[in-house]
Amino acid sequence: MESDRKKLISETRTDGKDFDPEYSSPYLLNLDITLPITRICVLSVREITIYPVGYCLSCKKETPIYWLKSKGRLRDWANFMEEVREISCTQKGCGCKFKPSFTFETQKPFPFRSKTDILLLLVDWFQKTSGNKFDFSEVEKEADGFRVFWTPFHRILSGWTELIPFELFINVLRYTPPEDLEGVLLGRDGVPFLGGYLFANKILEG
């Protein structure tokens, strides 16, 4: 799935920049894709609206998605993820099957932060807001780095989604894979942080 996301981003972006895993997002952001005028809002949270996009990598055309059950609630998001797992391209002569992509919109400006910046800023905010220390002993260490899970975040501060600054919240969303989004927003333990991104070990040494 990650390779598909990289391919989608690399084949649609027009800014000439190399793929940077520190800034790569599973959502379509600032890409050269013309979105349909009529879109389905499958999730709306804190002035952020997420839309599904049926973009075929094979013919590079968009297939409309017709799903009329959504009011933008988290339960609607969960239902969409369960019911719309595959899309068939409607372009003549193509017929490829692919998973839906997603894009989100907001009217509020925000800076794009790297994943490492988000981890450090988030740990600092959680500690200051809760008055508790973040437990780095719970990270999953590997030879080339370490992975973080949401469990220690939820343990020291529940209900954080309504408290966290918008800048941090939207950056967390843009790096969280669609399949993990419900678990993060509901505070479920064991959900990989930012899609299980492998952070540099030097962070733990700092």
Protein backbone atom coordinates (compact mmCIF):
# COMPACT_ATOMS: atom_id res chain seq x y z
CA MET A 1 0.00 0.00 0.00
CA GLU A 2 2.83 2.41 0.84
CA SER A 3 4.42 1.77 -2.57
CA ASP A 4 1.09 2.61 -4.23
CA ARG A 5 0.95 5.91 -2.33
CA LYS A 6 4.49 6.79 -3.38
CA LYS A 7 3.65 5.98 -6.99
CA LEU A 8 0.50 8.09 -6.87
CA ILE A 9 2.34 11.07 -5.42
CA SER A 10 5.36 10.79 -7.73
CA GLU A 11 3.20 10.45 -10.85
CA THR A 12 0.89 13.34 -10.09
CA ARG A 13 3.00 16.02 -8.44
CA THR A 14 4.41 18.74 -10.68
CA ASP A 15 6.73 20.66 -8.39
CA GLY A 16 9.80 18.65 -9.41
CA LYS A 17 10.72 17.71 -5.86
CA ASP A 18 12.03 14.28 -4.95
CA PHE A 19 9.94 12.01 -2.76
CA ASP A 20 10.74 12.81 0.88
CA PRO A 21 9.43 10.28 3.44
CA GLU A 22 9.57 12.94 6.16
CA TYR A 23 6.86 14.90 4.33
CA SER A 24 5.05 12.16 2.39
CA SER A 25 1.33 11.95 3.04
CA PRO A 26 -1.20 9.22 2.19
CA TYR A 27 -3.58 12.00 1.11
CA LEU A 28 -3.62 13.94 -2.14
CA LEU A 29 -2.28 17.36 -1.28
CA ASN A 30 -1.15 20.04 -3.73
CA LEU A 31 -1.13 17.55 -6.57
CA ASP A 32 -1.97 18.09 -10.21
CA ILE A 33 -5.35 16.37 -10.01
CA THR A 34 -8.56 18.12 -11.00
CA LEU A 35 -11.13 17.21 -8.37
CA PRO A 36 -14.83 16.94 -9.27
CA ILE A 37 -17.15 19.84 -8.55
CA THR A 38 -19.47 17.58 -6.54
CA ARG A 39 -17.67 15.71 -3.79
CA ILE A 40 -18.71 13.46 -0.94
CA CYS A 41 -17.76 14.59 2.54
CA VAL A 42 -17.01 11.37 4.43
CA LEU A 43 -15.55 13.09 7.50
CA SER A 44 -15.66 16.60 8.89
CA VAL A 45 -13.71 17.38 12.04
CA ARG A 46 -12.43 20.70 13.39
CA GLU A 47 -12.95 22.60 10.12
CA ILE A 48 -11.22 19.84 8.15
CA THR A 49 -13.21 18.02 5.49
CA ILE A 50 -12.05 14.73 3.98
CA TYR A 51 -13.22 13.63 0.54
CA PRO A 52 -12.68 10.31 -1.28
CA VAL A 53 -11.13 10.46 -4.75
CA GLY A 54 -11.34 7.70 -7.34
CA TYR A 55 -8.07 8.32 -9.19
CA CYS A 56 -6.89 5.57 -11.54
CA LEU A 57 -3.12 5.23 -11.78
CA SER A 58 -3.40 3.30 -15.02
CA CYS A 59 -5.25 5.83 -17.19
CA LYS A 60 -4.73 8.82 -14.90
CA LYS A 61 -8.42 9.67 -14.93
CA GLU A 62 -10.93 10.13 -12.16
CA THR A 63 -13.91 7.87 -11.54
CA PRO A 64 -16.82 9.46 -9.63
CA ILE A 65 -17.65 7.94 -6.26
CA TYR A 66 -21.35 7.71 -5.46
CA TRP A 67 -21.93 7.14 -1.75
CA LEU A 68 -24.87 9.04 -0.30
CA LYS A 69 -24.88 7.86 3.31
CA SER A 70 -22.50 10.38 4.83
CA LYS A 71 -23.11 13.33 7.12
CA GLY A 72 -19.42 13.75 7.87
CA ARG A 73 -19.48 11.88 11.18
CA LEU A 74 -16.83 9.45 12.35
CA ARG A 75 -19.33 6.59 12.05
CA ASP A 76 -19.87 7.58 8.41
CA TRP A 77 -16.12 7.47 7.85
CA ALA A 78 -15.97 3.98 9.38
CA ASN A 79 -18.87 2.81 7.19
CA PHE A 80 -17.26 4.20 4.05
CA MET A 81 -13.96 2.47 4.81
CA GLU A 82 -15.84 -0.79 5.33
CA GLU A 83 -18.13 -0.59 2.30
CA VAL A 84 -15.97 1.10 -0.37
CA ARG A 85 -12.81 -0.96 -0.50
CA GLU A 86 -12.39 -1.09 -4.26
CA ILE A 87 -13.34 1.08 -7.21
CA SER A 88 -13.64 0.04 -10.85
CA CYS A 89 -12.39 2.60 -13.35
CA THR A 90 -15.23 3.79 -15.59
CA GLN A 91 -13.01 5.03 -18.41
CA LYS A 92 -13.61 3.23 -21.69
CA GLY A 93 -11.03 0.54 -22.33
CA CYS A 94 -9.56 0.65 -18.81
CA GLY A 95 -11.65 -1.09 -16.16
CA CYS A 96 -8.80 -1.29 -13.64
CA LYS A 97 -9.68 -1.82 -10.01
CA PHE A 98 -8.07 0.33 -7.31
CA LYS A 99 -8.56 1.54 -3.77
CA PRO A 100 -10.02 5.00 -3.15
CA SER A 101 -7.62 7.83 -2.39
CA PHE A 102 -8.48 10.78 -0.15
CA THR A 103 -7.93 14.50 -0.02
CA PHE A 104 -8.88 17.02 2.63
CA GLU A 105 -9.64 20.69 2.66
CA THR A 106 -9.58 23.44 5.23
CA GLN A 107 -9.99 27.19 5.04
CA LYS A 108 -7.48 27.70 7.83
CA PRO A 109 -3.82 28.17 6.85
CA PHE A 110 -1.26 25.88 8.44
CA PRO A 111 2.47 25.12 8.00
CA PHE A 112 3.57 21.69 6.77
CA ARG A 113 5.74 20.09 9.44
CA SER A 114 8.01 17.07 9.03
CA LYS A 115 7.10 13.86 10.81
CA THR A 116 10.05 14.23 13.17
CA ASP A 117 8.95 17.78 14.03
CA ILE A 118 5.41 16.57 14.69
CA LEU A 119 6.62 13.83 17.03
CA LEU A 120 8.76 16.23 19.06
CA LEU A 121 6.13 18.99 19.12
CA LEU A 122 3.39 16.53 20.04
CA VAL A 123 5.38 14.96 22.88
CA ASP A 124 6.16 18.42 24.23
CA TRP A 125 2.51 19.53 24.00
CA PHE A 126 1.16 16.35 25.62
CA GLN A 127 3.63 16.64 28.50
CA LYS A 128 2.94 20.32 29.15
CA THR A 129 -0.84 19.94 28.85
CA SER A 130 -1.16 16.79 30.96
CA GLY A 131 1.68 17.41 33.42
CA ASN A 132 2.87 13.84 32.80
CA LYS A 133 5.98 12.49 31.13
CA PHE A 134 5.80 10.67 27.82
CA ASP A 135 7.10 7.11 28.18
CA PHE A 136 9.65 6.50 25.43
CA SER A 137 10.34 3.03 26.83
CA GLU A 138 7.23 1.86 24.96
CA VAL A 139 8.59 2.59 21.50
CA GLU A 140 9.39 -0.29 19.16
CA LYS A 141 13.14 -0.21 18.54
CA GLU A 142 14.81 -1.51 15.40
CA ALA A 143 18.36 -1.38 14.11
CA ASP A 144 17.68 1.59 11.84
CA GLY A 145 15.30 3.52 14.08
CA PHE A 146 12.19 3.25 16.20
CA ARG A 147 8.42 3.29 15.79
CA VAL A 148 5.92 4.97 18.10
CA PHE A 149 2.35 3.97 18.97
CA TRP A 150 -0.54 6.10 20.18
CA THR A 151 -0.95 4.16 23.44
CA PRO A 152 1.36 6.33 25.64
CA PHE A 153 -0.21 9.50 24.23
CA HIS A 154 -3.72 8.37 25.10
CA ARG A 155 -2.61 7.22 28.53
CA ILE A 156 -1.36 10.62 29.67
CA LEU A 157 -4.14 12.69 28.06
CA SER A 158 -7.52 11.48 26.86
CA GLY A 159 -9.80 13.72 24.81
CA TRP A 160 -6.80 15.48 23.28
CA THR A 161 -8.39 15.98 19.85
CA GLU A 162 -10.44 18.96 21.04
CA LEU A 163 -7.58 20.52 22.98
CA ILE A 164 -4.61 20.25 20.66
CA PRO A 165 -3.66 23.32 18.55
CA PHE A 166 -5.06 23.19 15.03
CA GLU A 167 -1.60 23.27 13.45
CA LEU A 168 -0.58 20.06 15.22
CA PHE A 169 -3.94 18.39 14.71
CA ILE A 170 -4.06 18.85 10.95
CA ASN A 171 -0.46 17.73 10.52
CA VAL A 172 -1.24 14.59 12.53
CA LEU A 173 -4.21 13.94 10.24
CA ARG A 174 -2.28 14.44 7.01
CA TYR A 175 0.30 11.84 8.07
CA THR A 176 -2.16 9.30 9.51
CA PRO A 177 -3.21 6.63 6.98
CA PRO A 178 -6.97 6.49 6.32
CA GLU A 179 -7.21 3.00 7.80
CA ASP A 180 -5.75 4.26 11.11
CA LEU A 181 -7.71 7.50 11.36
CA GLU A 182 -10.73 6.14 13.23
CA GLY A 183 -8.55 4.46 15.86
CA VAL A 184 -6.52 7.62 16.44
CA LEU A 185 -9.58 9.85 16.85
CA LEU A 186 -11.32 7.36 19.15
CA GLY A 187 -8.23 6.90 21.33
CA ARG A 188 -7.66 3.22 20.64
CA ASP A 189 -4.44 1.70 21.94
CA GLY A 190 -1.94 0.01 19.66
CA VAL A 191 -2.47 2.24 16.63
CA PRO A 192 0.86 3.06 14.90
CA PHE A 193 1.88 6.71 15.13
CA LEU A 194 1.91 8.41 11.71
CA GLY A 195 1.50 5.10 9.93
CA GLY A 196 4.35 3.39 11.75
CA TYR A 197 6.98 5.79 10.44
CA LEU A 198 10.54 4.80 11.36
CA PHE A 199 12.12 7.67 13.32
CA ALA A 200 15.88 8.16 13.68
CA ASN A 201 17.44 6.72 16.83
CA LYS A 202 19.23 10.02 17.51
CA ILE A 203 15.90 11.41 18.76
CA LEU A 204 16.05 9.04 21.72
CA GLU A 205 19.62 10.11 22.42
CA GLY A 206 18.75 13.81 22.58
